[in-house]
PDB file of N, CA and C in Angstrom:
ATOM      1  N   UNK A   1       5.192   0.572  -9.099  1.00  0.00           N
ATOM      2  CA  UNK A   1       4.515   2.076  -8.926  1.00  0.00           C
ATOM      3  C   UNK A   1       5.461   2.904  -8.025  1.00  0.00           C
ATOM      4  N   UNK A   2       6.988   2.307  -6.841  1.00  0.00           N
ATOM      5  CA  UNK A   2       7.501   2.908  -6.661  1.00  0.00           C
ATOM      6  C   UNK A   2       8.334   3.922  -7.311  1.00  0.00           C
ATOM      7  N   UNK A   3       8.394   3.558  -8.844  1.00  0.00           N
ATOM      8  CA  UNK A   3       8.993   4.107  -9.794  1.00  0.00           C
ATOM      9  C   UNK A   3       8.440   6.042 -10.121  1.00  0.00           C
ATOM     10  N   UNK A   4       7.256   5.435 -10.602  1.00  0.00           N
ATOM     11  CA  UNK A   4       5.977   5.846 -10.838  1.00  0.00           C
ATOM     12  C   UNK A   4       5.803   7.085 -10.029  1.00  0.00           C
ATOM     13  N   UNK A   5       5.743   6.692  -8.520  1.00  0.00           N
ATOM     14  CA  UNK A   5       5.924   7.887  -7.643  1.00  0.00           C
ATOM     15  C   UNK A   5       6.720   8.842  -7.619  1.00  0.00           C
ATOM     16  N   UNK A   6       7.967   8.036  -7.414  1.00  0.00           N
ATOM     17  CA  UNK A   6       9.301   9.107  -7.703  1.00  0.00           C
ATOM     18  C   UNK A   6       9.393   9.999  -8.715  1.00  0.00           C
ATOM     19  N   UNK A   7       8.810   9.374  -9.935  1.00  0.00           N
ATOM     20  CA  UNK A   7       8.689  10.377 -10.836  1.00  0.00           C
ATOM     21  C   UNK A   7       7.716  11.389 -10.854  1.00  0.00           C
ATOM     22  N   UNK A   8       7.262  11.265  -9.849  1.00  0.00           N
ATOM     23  CA  UNK A   8       5.648  12.152  -9.537  1.00  0.00           C
ATOM     24  C   UNK A   8       6.174  13.159  -8.620  1.00  0.00           C
ATOM     25  N   UNK A   9       6.985  12.930  -8.214  1.00  0.00           N
ATOM     26  CA  UNK A   9       7.695  14.143  -7.293  1.00  0.00           C
ATOM     27  C   UNK A   9       7.655  13.648  -5.538  1.00  0.00           C
ATOM     28  N   UNK A  10       7.340  12.263  -5.372  1.00  0.00           N
ATOM     29  CA  UNK A  10       7.542  11.612  -4.099  1.00  0.00           C
ATOM     30  C   UNK A  10       9.028  11.520  -3.885  1.00  0.00           C
ATOM     31  N   UNK A  11       9.717  12.059  -2.664  1.00  0.00           N
ATOM     32  CA  UNK A  11      10.554  11.702  -2.297  1.00  0.00           C
ATOM     33  C   UNK A  11      11.104  10.409  -2.006  1.00  0.00           C
ATOM     34  N   UNK A  12      11.849   9.616  -2.510  1.00  0.00           N
ATOM     35  CA  UNK A  12      12.377   8.219  -2.198  1.00  0.00           C
ATOM     36  C   UNK A  12      11.988   7.784  -0.978  1.00  0.00           C
ATOM     37  N   UNK A  13      12.778   8.792  -0.087  1.00  0.00           N
ATOM     38  CA  UNK A  13      12.670   8.230   1.509  1.00  0.00           C
ATOM     39  C   UNK A  13      11.673   8.430   2.048  1.00  0.00           C
ATOM     40  N   UNK A  14      10.231   8.546   1.393  1.00  0.00           N
ATOM     41  CA  UNK A  14       9.121   8.815   1.938  1.00  0.00           C
ATOM     42  C   UNK A  14       8.109   7.460   1.531  1.00  0.00           C
ATOM     43  N   UNK A  15       8.917   6.720   0.534  1.00  0.00           N
ATOM     44  CA  UNK A  15       8.196   5.107   0.045  1.00  0.00           C
ATOM     45  C   UNK A  15       8.716   4.023   0.786  1.00  0.00           C
ATOM     46  N   UNK A  16       7.600   3.376   1.272  1.00  0.00           N
ATOM     47  CA  UNK A  16       7.977   1.984   2.350  1.00  0.00           C
ATOM     48  C   UNK A  16       7.438   1.133   1.104  1.00  0.00           C
ATOM     49  N   UNK A  17       7.995   0.018   0.912  1.00  0.00           N
ATOM     50  CA  UNK A  17       7.651  -1.074  -0.105  1.00  0.00           C
ATOM     51  C   UNK A  17       7.848  -2.397   1.016  1.00  0.00           C
ATOM     52  N   UNK A  18       6.603  -3.193   0.616  1.00  0.00           N
ATOM     53  CA  UNK A  18       6.408  -4.176   1.130  1.00  0.00           C
ATOM     54  C   UNK A  18       6.774  -5.615   0.212  1.00  0.00           C
ATOM     55  N   UNK A  19       7.637  -6.391   0.081  1.00  0.00           N
ATOM     56  CA  UNK A  19       7.794  -7.194  -0.816  1.00  0.00           C
ATOM     57  C   UNK A  19       7.736  -8.826  -0.759  1.00  0.00           C
ATOM     58  N   UNK A  20       7.573  -8.593   0.687  1.00  0.00           N
ATOM     59  CA  UNK A  20       7.783 -10.163   1.022  1.00  0.00           C
ATOM     60  C   UNK A  20       6.802 -11.000   0.756  1.00  0.00           C
ATOM     61  N   UNK A  21       5.275 -10.275   0.730  1.00  0.00           N
ATOM     62  CA  UNK A  21       3.740 -11.011   0.739  1.00  0.00           C
ATOM     63  C   UNK A  21       3.450 -11.595  -0.775  1.00  0.00           C
ATOM     64  N   UNK A  22       2.726 -12.788  -0.743  1.00  0.00           N
ATOM     65  CA  UNK A  22       2.677 -13.635  -1.938  1.00  0.00           C
ATOM     66  C   UNK A  22       1.287 -13.497  -2.208  1.00  0.00           C
ATOM     67  N   UNK A  23       0.462 -13.060  -1.642  1.00  0.00           N
ATOM     68  CA  UNK A  23      -0.889 -12.312  -2.129  1.00  0.00           C
ATOM     69  C   UNK A  23      -1.386 -11.179  -1.473  1.00  0.00           C
ATOM     70  N   UNK A  24      -2.414 -10.650  -1.144  1.00  0.00           N
ATOM     71  CA  UNK A  24      -3.071  -9.446  -1.238  1.00  0.00           C
ATOM     72  C   UNK A  24      -3.228  -9.431   0.665  1.00  0.00           C
ATOM     73  N   UNK A  25      -3.749 -10.730   1.269  1.00  0.00           N
ATOM     74  CA  UNK A  25      -3.538 -10.554   2.573  1.00  0.00           C
ATOM     75  C   UNK A  25      -2.398 -10.723   3.227  1.00  0.00           C
ATOM     76  N   UNK A  26      -1.522 -11.373   3.092  1.00  0.00           N
ATOM     77  CA  UNK A  26       0.066 -11.236   3.716  1.00  0.00           C
ATOM     78  C   UNK A  26       0.577  -9.879   3.328  1.00  0.00           C
ATOM     79  N   UNK A  27       0.078  -9.314   2.433  1.00  0.00           N
ATOM     80  CA  UNK A  27       0.616  -7.790   1.960  1.00  0.00           C
ATOM     81  C   UNK A  27       0.156  -7.052   2.996  1.00  0.00           C
ATOM     82  N   UNK A  28      -0.905  -7.029   3.504  1.00  0.00           N
ATOM     83  CA  UNK A  28      -1.919  -6.117   4.450  1.00  0.00           C
ATOM     84  C   UNK A  28      -1.183  -6.502   5.629  1.00  0.00           C
ATOM     85  N   UNK A  29      -1.289  -7.878   6.128  1.00  0.00           N
ATOM     86  CA  UNK A  29      -0.818  -8.362   7.744  1.00  0.00           C
ATOM     87  C   UNK A  29       1.041  -7.730   7.618  1.00  0.00           C
ATOM     88  N   UNK A  30       1.393  -8.151   6.042  1.00  0.00           N
ATOM     89  CA  UNK A  30       3.117  -7.933   6.742  1.00  0.00           C
ATOM     90  C   UNK A  30       2.891  -6.079   6.797  1.00  0.00           C
ATOM     91  N   UNK A  31       2.120  -5.273   6.416  1.00  0.00           N
ATOM     92  CA  UNK A  31       2.780  -3.777   6.248  1.00  0.00           C
ATOM     93  C   UNK A  31       2.160  -3.399   8.173  1.00  0.00           C
ATOM     94  N   UNK A  32       1.732  -4.278   9.064  1.00  0.00           N
ATOM     95  CA  UNK A  32       1.314  -3.366   9.963  1.00  0.00           C
ATOM     96  C   UNK A  32       2.585  -3.760  10.869  1.00  0.00           C
ATOM     97  N   UNK A  33       3.353  -4.704  11.323  1.00  0.00           N
ATOM     98  CA  UNK A  33       4.335  -4.262  11.891  1.00  0.00           C
ATOM     99  C   UNK A  33       5.545  -3.400  11.422  1.00  0.00           C
ATOM    100  N   UNK A  34       5.514  -3.217  10.025  1.00  0.00           N
ATOM    101  CA  UNK A  34       6.171  -2.408   9.350  1.00  0.00           C
ATOM    102  C   UNK A  34       5.861  -0.548   9.961  1.00  0.00           C
ATOM    103  N   UNK A  35       4.566  -0.292   9.853  1.00  0.00           N
ATOM    104  CA  UNK A  35       4.064   0.843  10.221  1.00  0.00           C
ATOM    105  C   UNK A  35       4.345   1.126  11.660  1.00  0.00           C
ATOM    106  N   UNK A  36       3.937   0.058  12.454  1.00  0.00           N
ATOM    107  CA  UNK A  36       4.168   0.259  13.853  1.00  0.00           C
ATOM    108  C   UNK A  36       5.730   0.328  14.250  1.00  0.00           C
ATOM    109  N   UNK A  37       6.494  -0.819  14.036  1.00  0.00           N
ATOM    110  CA  UNK A  37       7.930  -0.179  14.368  1.00  0.00           C
ATOM    111  C   UNK A  37       8.562   0.910  13.947  1.00  0.00           C
ATOM    112  N   UNK A  38       7.404   1.689  12.998  1.00  0.00           N
ATOM    113  CA  UNK A  38       8.804   3.118  12.155  1.00  0.00           C
ATOM    114  C   UNK A  38       7.504   4.126  12.639  1.00  0.00           C
ATOM    115  N   UNK A  39       6.666   3.613  13.526  1.00  0.00           N
ATOM    116  CA  UNK A  39       5.885   4.921  14.472  1.00  0.00           C
ATOM    117  C   UNK A  39       5.108   5.863  13.052  1.00  0.00           C
ATOM    118  N   UNK A  40       4.775   4.823  11.832  1.00  0.00           N
ATOM    119  CA  UNK A  40       3.781   5.576  10.839  1.00  0.00           C
ATOM    120  C   UNK A  40       2.792   5.947  11.099  1.00  0.00           C
ATOM    121  N   UNK A  41       1.692   7.269  11.063  1.00  0.00           N
ATOM    122  CA  UNK A  41       0.173   7.061  11.440  1.00  0.00           C
ATOM    123  C   UNK A  41      -0.543   7.552  10.595  1.00  0.00           C
ATOM    124  N   UNK A  42       0.484   7.915   9.208  1.00  0.00           N
ATOM    125  CA  UNK A  42      -0.222   8.681   8.267  1.00  0.00           C
ATOM    126  C   UNK A  42       0.417   8.063   6.690  1.00  0.00           C
ATOM    127  N   UNK A  43      -0.668   7.010   6.239  1.00  0.00           N
ATOM    128  CA  UNK A  43      -0.139   6.709   5.125  1.00  0.00           C
ATOM    129  C   UNK A  43      -1.105   6.910   3.739  1.00  0.00           C
ATOM    130  N   UNK A  44      -0.531   6.959   2.428  1.00  0.00           N
ATOM    131  CA  UNK A  44      -0.872   6.872   1.446  1.00  0.00           C
ATOM    132  C   UNK A  44      -0.818   5.276   0.272  1.00  0.00           C
ATOM    133  N   UNK A  45      -1.814   4.752   0.360  1.00  0.00           N
ATOM    134  CA  UNK A  45      -1.761   3.608   0.049  1.00  0.00           C
ATOM    135  C   UNK A  45      -2.329   3.266  -1.536  1.00  0.00           C
ATOM    136  N   UNK A  46      -1.178   3.113  -2.754  1.00  0.00           N
ATOM    137  CA  UNK A  46      -1.367   3.647  -4.216  1.00  0.00           C
ATOM    138  C   UNK A  46      -1.593   1.740  -4.496  1.00  0.00           C
ATOM    139  N   UNK A  47      -2.295   1.549  -5.310  1.00  0.00           N
ATOM    140  CA  UNK A  47      -2.284   0.198  -5.890  1.00  0.00           C
ATOM    141  C   UNK A  47      -3.539   0.622  -7.206  1.00  0.00           C
ATOM    142  N   UNK A  48      -3.620  -0.411  -7.960  1.00  0.00           N
ATOM    143  CA  UNK A  48      -4.340  -0.174  -9.155  1.00  0.00           C
ATOM    144  C   UNK A  48      -5.678   0.117  -9.212  1.00  0.00           C
ATOM    145  N   UNK A  49      -6.704   0.976  -9.734  1.00  0.00           N
ATOM    146  CA  UNK A  49      -7.762   0.761  -9.957  1.00  0.00           C
ATOM    147  C   UNK A  49      -8.350  -0.630  -9.877  1.00  0.00           C
ATOM    148  N   UNK A  50      -7.945  -1.692 -10.175  1.00  0.00           N
ATOM    149  CA  UNK A  50      -8.543  -2.992 -10.459  1.00  0.00           C
ATOM    150  C   UNK A  50      -8.491  -3.786  -9.365  1.00  0.00           C
ATOM    151  N   UNK A  51      -7.421  -3.277  -8.273  1.00  0.00           N
ATOM    152  CA  UNK A  51      -7.176  -3.758  -6.871  1.00  0.00           C
ATOM    153  C   UNK A  51      -7.773  -3.328  -5.945  1.00  0.00           C
ATOM    154  N   UNK A  52      -7.923  -1.886  -5.942  1.00  0.00           N
ATOM    155  CA  UNK A  52      -8.534  -1.095  -4.882  1.00  0.00           C
ATOM    156  C   UNK A  52      -9.833  -1.950  -4.027  1.00  0.00           C
ATOM    157  N   UNK A  53     -10.476  -2.008  -4.527  1.00  0.00           N
ATOM    158  CA  UNK A  53     -11.744  -2.812  -3.450  1.00  0.00           C
ATOM    159  C   UNK A  53     -11.407  -3.755  -2.653  1.00  0.00           C
ATOM    160  N   UNK A  54     -10.443  -4.841  -2.874  1.00  0.00           N
ATOM    161  CA  UNK A  54      -9.996  -6.116  -2.181  1.00  0.00           C
ATOM    162  C   UNK A  54      -9.028  -5.539  -1.174  1.00  0.00           C
ATOM    163  N   UNK A  55      -8.196  -4.387  -1.572  1.00  0.00           N
ATOM    164  CA  UNK A  55      -7.106  -4.024  -0.849  1.00  0.00           C
ATOM    165  C   UNK A  55      -7.376  -3.173   0.127  1.00  0.00           C
ATOM    166  N   UNK A  56      -8.693  -2.293  -0.089  1.00  0.00           N
ATOM    167  CA  UNK A  56      -9.045  -1.570   0.783  1.00  0.00           C
ATOM    168  C   UNK A  56      -9.796  -1.970   2.100  1.00  0.00           C
ATOM    169  N   UNK A  57     -10.403  -3.633   1.379  1.00  0.00           N
ATOM    170  CA  UNK A  57     -11.224  -3.944   2.553  1.00  0.00           C
ATOM    171  C   UNK A  57      -9.998  -4.779   3.857  1.00  0.00           C
ATOM    172  N   UNK A  58      -9.115  -5.285   2.983  1.00  0.00           N
ATOM    173  CA  UNK A  58      -8.115  -5.892   3.694  1.00  0.00           C
ATOM    174  C   UNK A  58      -7.256  -5.224   4.955  1.00  0.00           C
ATOM    175  N   UNK A  59      -6.628  -3.844   4.163  1.00  0.00           N
ATOM    176  CA  UNK A  59      -6.130  -2.922   4.733  1.00  0.00           C
ATOM    177  C   UNK A  59      -7.223  -2.221   5.849  1.00  0.00           C
ATOM    178  N   UNK A  60      -8.223  -1.972   5.741  1.00  0.00           N
ATOM    179  CA  UNK A  60      -8.894  -1.543   6.842  1.00  0.00           C
ATOM    180  C   UNK A  60      -9.209  -2.591   8.012  1.00  0.00           C
ATOM    181  N   UNK A  61      -9.249  -3.801   7.759  1.00  0.00           N
ATOM    182  CA  UNK A  61      -9.599  -4.834   8.216  1.00  0.00           C
ATOM    183  C   UNK A  61      -8.259  -4.928   9.128  1.00  0.00           C
ATOM    184  N   UNK A  62      -7.376  -4.796   8.735  1.00  0.00           N
ATOM    185  CA  UNK A  62      -6.164  -5.139   9.632  1.00  0.00           C
ATOM    186  C   UNK A  62      -5.652  -4.311  10.208  1.00  0.00           C
ATOM    187  N   UNK A  63      -5.634  -2.805   9.731  1.00  0.00           N
ATOM    188  CA  UNK A  63      -5.066  -1.905  10.597  1.00  0.00           C
ATOM    189  C   UNK A  63      -6.435  -1.064  11.636  1.00  0.00           C
ATOM    190  N   UNK A  64      -7.722  -1.596  11.859  1.00  0.00           N
ATOM    191  CA  UNK A  64      -8.684  -1.747  12.734  1.00  0.00           C
ATOM    192  C   UNK A  64      -8.523  -1.607  14.032  1.00  0.00           C
ATOM    193  N   UNK A  65      -8.386  -0.754  14.834  1.00  0.00           N
ATOM    194  CA  UNK A  65      -8.022  -0.477  16.088  1.00  0.00           C
ATOM    195  C   UNK A  65      -6.843  -0.488  16.133  1.00  0.00           C
ATOM    196  N   UNK A  66      -6.168   0.571  15.073  1.00  0.00           N
ATOM    197  CA  UNK A  66      -4.836   1.526  15.341  1.00  0.00           C
ATOM    198  C   UNK A  66      -5.192   2.624  15.242  1.00  0.00           C
ATOM    199  N   UNK A  67      -4.104   3.658  15.350  1.00  0.00           N
ATOM    200  CA  UNK A  67      -4.273   4.892  14.813  1.00  0.00           C
ATOM    201  C   UNK A  67      -3.797   5.215  13.654  1.00  0.00           C
ATOM    202  N   UNK A  68      -3.567   4.359  12.804  1.00  0.00           N
ATOM    203  CA  UNK A  68      -2.960   4.591  11.691  1.00  0.00           C
ATOM    204  C   UNK A  68      -4.118   5.087  10.604  1.00  0.00           C
ATOM    205  N   UNK A  69      -4.049   6.186   9.868  1.00  0.00           N
ATOM    206  CA  UNK A  69      -5.161   6.832   9.024  1.00  0.00           C
ATOM    207  C   UNK A  69      -4.547   6.370   7.788  1.00  0.00           C
ATOM    208  N   UNK A  70      -5.107   6.396   6.790  1.00  0.00           N
ATOM    209  CA  UNK A  70      -5.061   5.729   5.299  1.00  0.00           C
ATOM    210  C   UNK A  70      -6.085   6.509   4.180  1.00  0.00           C
ATOM    211  N   UNK A  71      -4.918   7.123   3.515  1.00  0.00           N
ATOM    212  CA  UNK A  71      -5.694   7.490   2.376  1.00  0.00           C
ATOM    213  C   UNK A  71      -5.678   7.171   0.893  1.00  0.00           C
ATOM    214  N   UNK A  72      -6.323   7.030   0.243  1.00  0.00           N
ATOM    215  CA  UNK A  72      -6.433   5.737  -0.614  1.00  0.00           C
ATOM    216  C   UNK A  72      -5.982   6.669  -2.026  1.00  0.00           C
ATOM    217  N   UNK A  73      -4.927   5.672  -3.112  1.00  0.00           N
ATOM    218  CA  UNK A  73      -4.950   5.920  -4.153  1.00  0.00           C
ATOM    219  C   UNK A  73      -4.589   5.309  -5.489  1.00  0.00           C
ATOM    220  N   UNK A  74      -5.789   5.340  -6.222  1.00  0.00           N
ATOM    221  CA  UNK A  74      -5.634   4.469  -7.218  1.00  0.00           C
ATOM    222  C   UNK A  74      -4.670   4.975  -8.888  1.00  0.00           C
ATOM    223  N   UNK A  75      -4.073   3.912  -9.064  1.00  0.00           N
ATOM    224  CA  UNK A  75      -3.491   4.300 -10.102  1.00  0.00           C
ATOM    225  C   UNK A  75      -4.461   3.504 -11.315  1.00  0.00           C
ATOM    226  N   UNK A  76      -5.062   4.282 -12.589  1.00  0.00           N
ATOM    227  CA  UNK A  76      -5.621   3.771 -13.412  1.00  0.00           C
ATOM    228  C   UNK A  76      -4.900   2.463 -14.587  1.00  0.00           C
ATOM    229  N   UNK A  77      -5.432   1.317 -14.356  1.00  0.00           N
ATOM    230  CA  UNK A  77      -4.664   0.679 -15.839  1.00  0.00           C
ATOM    231  C   UNK A  77      -5.498  -0.015 -16.684  1.00  0.00           C
ATOM    232  N   UNK A  78      -4.956  -0.122 -17.857  1.00  0.00           N
ATOM    233  CA  UNK A  78      -5.781  -0.339 -18.950  1.00  0.00           C
ATOM    234  C   UNK A  78      -6.138  -2.015 -18.603  1.00  0.00           C
ATOM    235  N   UNK A  79      -5.450  -3.013 -18.244  1.00  0.00           N
ATOM    236  CA  UNK A  79      -5.611  -4.275 -17.793  1.00  0.00           C
ATOM    237  C   UNK A  79      -5.744  -4.787 -16.491  1.00  0.00           C
ATOM    238  N   UNK A  80      -6.323  -5.572 -16.453  1.00  0.00           N
ATOM    239  CA  UNK A  80      -6.124  -6.316 -14.383  1.00  0.00           C
ATOM    240  C   UNK A  80      -4.649  -6.580 -14.700  1.00  0.00           C
ATOM    241  N   UNK A  81      -4.049  -6.466 -13.444  1.00  0.00           N
ATOM    242  CA  UNK A  81      -2.534  -7.106 -13.520  1.00  0.00           C
ATOM    243  C   UNK A  81      -2.632  -8.278 -13.060  1.00  0.00           C
ATOM    244  N   UNK A  82      -1.808  -9.148 -13.886  1.00  0.00           N
ATOM    245  CA  UNK A  82      -2.248 -11.066 -13.888  1.00  0.00           C
ATOM    246  C   UNK A  82      -1.280 -10.831 -12.395  1.00  0.00           C
ATOM    247  N   UNK A  83      -0.239 -10.845 -12.682  1.00  0.00           N
ATOM    248  CA  UNK A  83       0.912 -11.297 -11.486  1.00  0.00           C
ATOM    249  C   UNK A  83       0.898 -10.234 -10.470  1.00  0.00           C
ATOM    250  N   UNK A  84       0.486 -10.783  -9.130  1.00  0.00           N
ATOM    251  CA  UNK A  84       0.387 -10.048  -7.534  1.00  0.00           C
ATOM    252  C   UNK A  84       1.951  -8.893  -7.631  1.00  0.00           C
ATOM    253  N   UNK A  85       1.393  -8.197  -7.387  1.00  0.00           N
ATOM    254  CA  UNK A  85       2.578  -6.765  -7.677  1.00  0.00           C
ATOM    255  C   UNK A  85       2.124  -5.601  -6.244  1.00  0.00           C
ATOM    256  N   UNK A  86       2.756  -5.943  -5.205  1.00  0.00           N
ATOM    257  CA  UNK A  86       2.959  -5.392  -3.573  1.00  0.00           C
ATOM    258  C   UNK A  86       2.490  -4.279  -4.367  1.00  0.00           C
ATOM    259  N   UNK A  87       1.368  -3.532  -3.184  1.00  0.00           N
ATOM    260  CA  UNK A  87       1.335  -1.930  -3.199  1.00  0.00           C
ATOM    261  C   UNK A  87       2.485  -1.202  -2.525  1.00  0.00           C
ATOM    262  N   UNK A  88       2.392   0.116  -2.854  1.00  0.00           N
ATOM    263  CA  UNK A  88       3.344   0.675  -1.752  1.00  0.00           C
ATOM    264  C   UNK A  88       2.680   1.898  -1.039  1.00  0.00           C
ATOM    265  N   UNK A  89       3.521   2.278  -0.279  1.00  0.00           N
ATOM    266  CA  UNK A  89       2.750   3.091   1.110  1.00  0.00           C
ATOM    267  C   UNK A  89       3.532   4.059   1.366  1.00  0.00           C
ATOM    268  N   UNK A  90       3.204   5.237   1.095  1.00  0.00           N
ATOM    269  CA  UNK A  90       3.765   6.587   1.300  1.00  0.00           C
ATOM    270  C   UNK A  90       3.481   7.250   2.277  1.00  0.00           C
ATOM    271  N   UNK A  91       4.706   7.406   2.953  1.00  0.00           N
ATOM    272  CA  UNK A  91       4.131   7.652   4.623  1.00  0.00           C
ATOM    273  C   UNK A  91       4.478   9.703   4.893  1.00  0.00           C
TER     274      UNK A  91
END
């Protein structure tokens, strides 16, 4: 998805990829310290339309009580993504 974002005009230095997670819960939890240490307060979270409902619930729970604003961006896919693919954050 990062390649798709840069080909759509998002500058590479504005993309943060969390690639250590093995599942969606870890992905949300791992993003919080990245965002806090970078003092990022506004993000656009990009994921597949299939994955968005779960992703949204998890990130809202993890970021609750922070000053981090989230904008949600779905990427339409024809079939569900079987293998876990981390979301990207655009700061």
